[in-house]
Amino acid sequence: MRITGTVSSGLGRAHIFMAQKHYQDQFQSLMGSSVWPGTLNLNVSGDDLTNYIALRMITGIGTLDATNELIQAAKSLNVTDLEANRIRGFLRDGISFGGATAFKARFHFNSSSVDCAVLIPDLTRHYDVAEIISAKFLREHFSLTDGDSVVIELS
């Protein structure tokens, strides 16, 4: 499955979660290395949004504002061969850090690529924004700016 999206700025809060040792230990197991303490947000639309909604449906979380037409199209996709990797949440000092599901992938921009994962938090505000994690600081590594089009290839 491929998902094309456009780079967009987020709220700048992912680092609060991504830097937590509990998460980093799990990312180390999944990716073979620690990951950059932040995410790269991609706006997805059209057929790419259908693919992304299909991923979200594997996780069992709601599709929020997605239309019934979009949900039905996502249900028709065969995504059973994609491995959903559970990232466990935890409680620390009375603060709950939620879980997520990660799908290993490859990030492509121009003629270069790196390993990554699509991270779908259990709690999120957007159904049309994919969050990408990688050992690389993707914005800097690829000199990305908002509006750049990138491809995520899930295997």
C-alpha atoms as a PDB file:
ATOM      1  CA  MET A   1       0.000   0.000   0.000  1.00  0.00           C
ATOM      2  CA  ARG A   2       1.184   3.490  -0.841  1.00  0.00           C
ATOM      3  CA  ILE A   3       0.038   6.718   0.725  1.00  0.00           C
ATOM      4  CA  THR A   4       0.969  10.066  -0.787  1.00  0.00           C
ATOM      5  CA  GLY A   5       0.586  13.087   1.428  1.00  0.00           C
ATOM      6  CA  THR A   6       1.647  16.693   1.742  1.00  0.00           C
ATOM      7  CA  VAL A   7       3.882  17.823   4.576  1.00  0.00           C
ATOM      8  CA  SER A   8       2.139  20.047   7.099  1.00  0.00           C
ATOM      9  CA  SER A   9       3.023  21.628  10.402  1.00  0.00           C
ATOM     10  CA  GLY A  10       1.468  20.141  13.503  1.00  0.00           C
ATOM     11  CA  LEU A  11       0.918  21.540  16.957  1.00  0.00           C
ATOM     12  CA  GLY A  12       4.535  20.946  17.936  1.00  0.00           C
ATOM     13  CA  ARG A  13       3.595  18.766  20.902  1.00  0.00           C
ATOM     14  CA  ALA A  14       4.570  15.283  19.657  1.00  0.00           C
ATOM     15  CA  HIS A  15       8.037  15.598  21.199  1.00  0.00           C
ATOM     16  CA  ILE A  16       6.471  15.550  24.678  1.00  0.00           C
ATOM     17  CA  PHE A  17       5.260  12.025  23.985  1.00  0.00           C
ATOM     18  CA  MET A  18       7.883  10.770  21.581  1.00  0.00           C
ATOM     19  CA  ALA A  19      10.784  11.492  23.954  1.00  0.00           C
ATOM     20  CA  GLN A  20       9.334   9.301  26.726  1.00  0.00           C
ATOM     21  CA  LYS A  21      11.607   6.354  27.521  1.00  0.00           C
ATOM     22  CA  HIS A  22       8.658   3.948  27.625  1.00  0.00           C
ATOM     23  CA  TYR A  23       7.803   4.798  24.004  1.00  0.00           C
ATOM     24  CA  GLN A  24      11.413   4.992  22.814  1.00  0.00           C
ATOM     25  CA  ASP A  25      12.091   1.483  24.160  1.00  0.00           C
ATOM     26  CA  GLN A  26       9.190   0.166  22.103  1.00  0.00           C
ATOM     27  CA  PHE A  27      10.282   2.097  18.999  1.00  0.00           C
ATOM     28  CA  GLN A  28      13.771   0.647  19.459  1.00  0.00           C
ATOM     29  CA  SER A  29      12.256  -2.850  19.312  1.00  0.00           C
ATOM     30  CA  LEU A  30      10.105  -2.004  16.298  1.00  0.00           C
ATOM     31  CA  MET A  31      12.551   0.033  14.227  1.00  0.00           C
ATOM     32  CA  GLY A  32      15.902  -1.286  15.437  1.00  0.00           C
ATOM     33  CA  SER A  33      16.873   2.161  16.719  1.00  0.00           C
ATOM     34  CA  SER A  34      15.471   5.020  18.704  1.00  0.00           C
ATOM     35  CA  VAL A  35      13.388   7.455  16.703  1.00  0.00           C
ATOM     36  CA  TRP A  36      13.475  11.211  16.352  1.00  0.00           C
ATOM     37  CA  PRO A  37      11.421  12.674  19.230  1.00  0.00           C
ATOM     38  CA  GLY A  38       8.704  14.112  17.025  1.00  0.00           C
ATOM     39  CA  THR A  39       6.471  13.225  14.110  1.00  0.00           C
ATOM     40  CA  LEU A  40       6.133  14.475  10.567  1.00  0.00           C
ATOM     41  CA  ASN A  41       2.522  15.263   9.722  1.00  0.00           C
ATOM     42  CA  LEU A  42       1.139  14.474   6.288  1.00  0.00           C
ATOM     43  CA  ASN A  43      -2.228  15.660   5.047  1.00  0.00           C
ATOM     44  CA  VAL A  44      -3.844  12.904   3.010  1.00  0.00           C
ATOM     45  CA  SER A  45      -6.818  13.098   0.663  1.00  0.00           C
ATOM     46  CA  GLY A  46      -8.581  11.239  -2.143  1.00  0.00           C
ATOM     47  CA  ASP A  47      -7.565   7.598  -2.680  1.00  0.00           C
ATOM     48  CA  ASP A  48      -4.677   8.115  -0.257  1.00  0.00           C
ATOM     49  CA  LEU A  49      -7.170   9.043   2.450  1.00  0.00           C
ATOM     50  CA  THR A  50      -9.097   5.854   1.704  1.00  0.00           C
ATOM     51  CA  ASN A  51      -5.863   3.888   2.243  1.00  0.00           C
ATOM     52  CA  TYR A  52      -5.144   5.745   5.465  1.00  0.00           C
ATOM     53  CA  ILE A  53      -8.679   5.185   6.776  1.00  0.00           C
ATOM     54  CA  ALA A  54      -8.213   1.463   6.069  1.00  0.00           C
ATOM     55  CA  LEU A  55      -5.100   1.550   8.296  1.00  0.00           C
ATOM     56  CA  ARG A  56      -7.011   3.375  11.013  1.00  0.00           C
ATOM     57  CA  MET A  57      -9.743   0.761  10.850  1.00  0.00           C
ATOM     58  CA  ILE A  58      -7.188  -2.013  11.512  1.00  0.00           C
ATOM     59  CA  THR A  59      -6.361  -0.275  14.794  1.00  0.00           C
ATOM     60  CA  GLY A  60      -9.990  -0.367  15.889  1.00  0.00           C
ATOM     61  CA  ILE A  61     -10.165   3.361  16.592  1.00  0.00           C
ATOM     62  CA  GLY A  62     -12.949   5.517  15.225  1.00  0.00           C
ATOM     63  CA  THR A  63     -12.774   7.301  11.930  1.00  0.00           C
ATOM     64  CA  LEU A  64     -14.126  10.531  13.410  1.00  0.00           C
ATOM     65  CA  ASP A  65     -15.462  12.768  10.644  1.00  0.00           C
ATOM     66  CA  ALA A  66     -14.906  10.385   7.737  1.00  0.00           C
ATOM     67  CA  THR A  67     -17.912  10.060   5.439  1.00  0.00           C
ATOM     68  CA  ASN A  68     -19.798   6.780   5.114  1.00  0.00           C
ATOM     69  CA  GLU A  69     -18.656   6.607   1.487  1.00  0.00           C
ATOM     70  CA  LEU A  70     -15.024   6.887   2.555  1.00  0.00           C
ATOM     71  CA  ILE A  71     -15.471   4.260   5.280  1.00  0.00           C
ATOM     72  CA  GLN A  72     -17.103   1.832   2.837  1.00  0.00           C
ATOM     73  CA  ALA A  73     -14.311   2.349   0.299  1.00  0.00           C
ATOM     74  CA  ALA A  74     -11.718   1.690   3.022  1.00  0.00           C
ATOM     75  CA  LYS A  75     -13.522  -1.490   4.081  1.00  0.00           C
ATOM     76  CA  SER A  76     -13.232  -2.804   0.519  1.00  0.00           C
ATOM     77  CA  LEU A  77      -9.407  -2.676   0.615  1.00  0.00           C
ATOM     78  CA  ASN A  78      -7.427  -5.788   1.458  1.00  0.00           C
ATOM     79  CA  VAL A  79      -4.974  -4.662   4.119  1.00  0.00           C
ATOM     80  CA  THR A  80      -4.798  -7.884   6.127  1.00  0.00           C
ATOM     81  CA  ASP A  81      -1.179  -8.443   5.087  1.00  0.00           C
ATOM     82  CA  LEU A  82      -0.015  -5.268   6.877  1.00  0.00           C
ATOM     83  CA  GLU A  83       1.393  -5.865  10.343  1.00  0.00           C
ATOM     84  CA  ALA A  84      -0.072  -3.650  13.043  1.00  0.00           C
ATOM     85  CA  ASN A  85       2.469  -3.153  15.851  1.00  0.00           C
ATOM     86  CA  ARG A  86       1.004  -2.157  19.185  1.00  0.00           C
ATOM     87  CA  ILE A  87       2.710   0.646  21.113  1.00  0.00           C
ATOM     88  CA  ARG A  88       1.562   0.363  24.715  1.00  0.00           C
ATOM     89  CA  GLY A  89       0.563   3.399  26.695  1.00  0.00           C
ATOM     90  CA  PHE A  90       1.517   3.922  30.326  1.00  0.00           C
ATOM     91  CA  LEU A  91       0.798   5.920  33.446  1.00  0.00           C
ATOM     92  CA  ARG A  92       3.510   8.095  34.987  1.00  0.00           C
ATOM     93  CA  ASP A  93       3.100  10.376  37.985  1.00  0.00           C
ATOM     94  CA  GLY A  94      -0.663  10.259  37.571  1.00  0.00           C
ATOM     95  CA  ILE A  95      -0.455  11.287  33.908  1.00  0.00           C
ATOM     96  CA  SER A  96      -1.755   8.887  31.271  1.00  0.00           C
ATOM     97  CA  PHE A  97       0.273   8.492  28.082  1.00  0.00           C
ATOM     98  CA  GLY A  98      -1.920   6.757  25.496  1.00  0.00           C
ATOM     99  CA  GLY A  99      -1.146   3.868  23.231  1.00  0.00           C
ATOM    100  CA  ALA A 100      -0.801   3.798  19.465  1.00  0.00           C
ATOM    101  CA  THR A 101      -0.445   1.445  16.528  1.00  0.00           C
ATOM    102  CA  ALA A 102       2.566   1.577  14.208  1.00  0.00           C
ATOM    103  CA  PHE A 103       2.919   0.239  10.671  1.00  0.00           C
ATOM    104  CA  LYS A 104       6.454  -0.132   9.343  1.00  0.00           C
ATOM    105  CA  ALA A 105       7.017   1.618   6.034  1.00  0.00           C
ATOM    106  CA  ARG A 106       9.473   3.341   3.740  1.00  0.00           C
ATOM    107  CA  PHE A 107       9.498   7.138   3.328  1.00  0.00           C
ATOM    108  CA  HIS A 108      10.206   8.391  -0.217  1.00  0.00           C
ATOM    109  CA  PHE A 109      11.018  11.920  -1.282  1.00  0.00           C
ATOM    110  CA  ASN A 110      12.472  12.668  -4.715  1.00  0.00           C
ATOM    111  CA  SER A 111      14.965   9.856  -5.332  1.00  0.00           C
ATOM    112  CA  SER A 112      15.824   9.156  -1.675  1.00  0.00           C
ATOM    113  CA  SER A 113      14.165   7.022   0.964  1.00  0.00           C
ATOM    114  CA  VAL A 114      14.489   5.951   4.607  1.00  0.00           C
ATOM    115  CA  ASP A 115      12.761   3.524   6.950  1.00  0.00           C
ATOM    116  CA  CYS A 116       9.848   4.920   8.885  1.00  0.00           C
ATOM    117  CA  ALA A 117       6.552   3.950  10.477  1.00  0.00           C
ATOM    118  CA  VAL A 118       3.053   5.353  10.284  1.00  0.00           C
ATOM    119  CA  LEU A 119       2.019   6.001  13.884  1.00  0.00           C
ATOM    120  CA  ILE A 120      -1.692   6.111  14.648  1.00  0.00           C
ATOM    121  CA  PRO A 121      -2.316   7.317  18.214  1.00  0.00           C
ATOM    122  CA  ASP A 122      -5.361   5.912  19.997  1.00  0.00           C
ATOM    123  CA  LEU A 123      -6.429   9.487  20.645  1.00  0.00           C
ATOM    124  CA  THR A 124      -6.081  11.954  17.812  1.00  0.00           C
ATOM    125  CA  ARG A 125      -8.015  14.944  16.549  1.00  0.00           C
ATOM    126  CA  HIS A 126      -7.576  14.368  12.831  1.00  0.00           C
ATOM    127  CA  TYR A 127      -8.647  11.482  10.624  1.00  0.00           C
ATOM    128  CA  ASP A 128      -6.893  12.921   7.558  1.00  0.00           C
ATOM    129  CA  VAL A 129      -3.414  13.550   9.010  1.00  0.00           C
ATOM    130  CA  ALA A 130      -0.874  10.723   9.053  1.00  0.00           C
ATOM    131  CA  GLU A 131       1.918  10.943  11.626  1.00  0.00           C
ATOM    132  CA  ILE A 132       5.262   9.546  10.489  1.00  0.00           C
ATOM    133  CA  ILE A 133       8.127   8.517  12.764  1.00  0.00           C
ATOM    134  CA  SER A 134      11.704   7.695  11.807  1.00  0.00           C
ATOM    135  CA  ALA A 135      15.198   7.543  13.242  1.00  0.00           C
ATOM    136  CA  LYS A 136      15.867  10.581  11.026  1.00  0.00           C
ATOM    137  CA  PHE A 137      14.556  14.082  11.604  1.00  0.00           C
ATOM    138  CA  LEU A 138      12.699  13.854   8.306  1.00  0.00           C
ATOM    139  CA  ARG A 139      12.110  17.597   7.815  1.00  0.00           C
ATOM    140  CA  GLU A 140      15.815  18.298   8.116  1.00  0.00           C
ATOM    141  CA  HIS A 141      17.115  15.127   6.449  1.00  0.00           C
ATOM    142  CA  PHE A 142      15.130  15.802   3.259  1.00  0.00           C
ATOM    143  CA  SER A 143      14.939  19.639   3.595  1.00  0.00           C
ATOM    144  CA  LEU A 144      11.138  19.357   3.592  1.00  0.00           C
ATOM    145  CA  THR A 145       8.792  22.319   3.755  1.00  0.00           C
ATOM    146  CA  ASP A 146       5.054  22.488   4.205  1.00  0.00           C
ATOM    147  CA  GLY A 147       3.314  21.523   0.991  1.00  0.00           C
ATOM    148  CA  ASP A 148       5.990  19.066  -0.214  1.00  0.00           C
ATOM    149  CA  SER A 149       4.527  15.830  -1.548  1.00  0.00           C
ATOM    150  CA  VAL A 150       5.984  12.589  -0.153  1.00  0.00           C
ATOM    151  CA  VAL A 151       5.181   8.892  -0.501  1.00  0.00           C
ATOM    152  CA  ILE A 152       4.887   6.338   2.271  1.00  0.00           C
ATOM    153  CA  GLU A 153       5.146   2.726   1.127  1.00  0.00           C
ATOM    154  CA  LEU A 154       3.832   0.169   3.601  1.00  0.00           C
ATOM    155  CA  SER A 155       4.868  -3.445   3.336  1.00  0.00           C
END
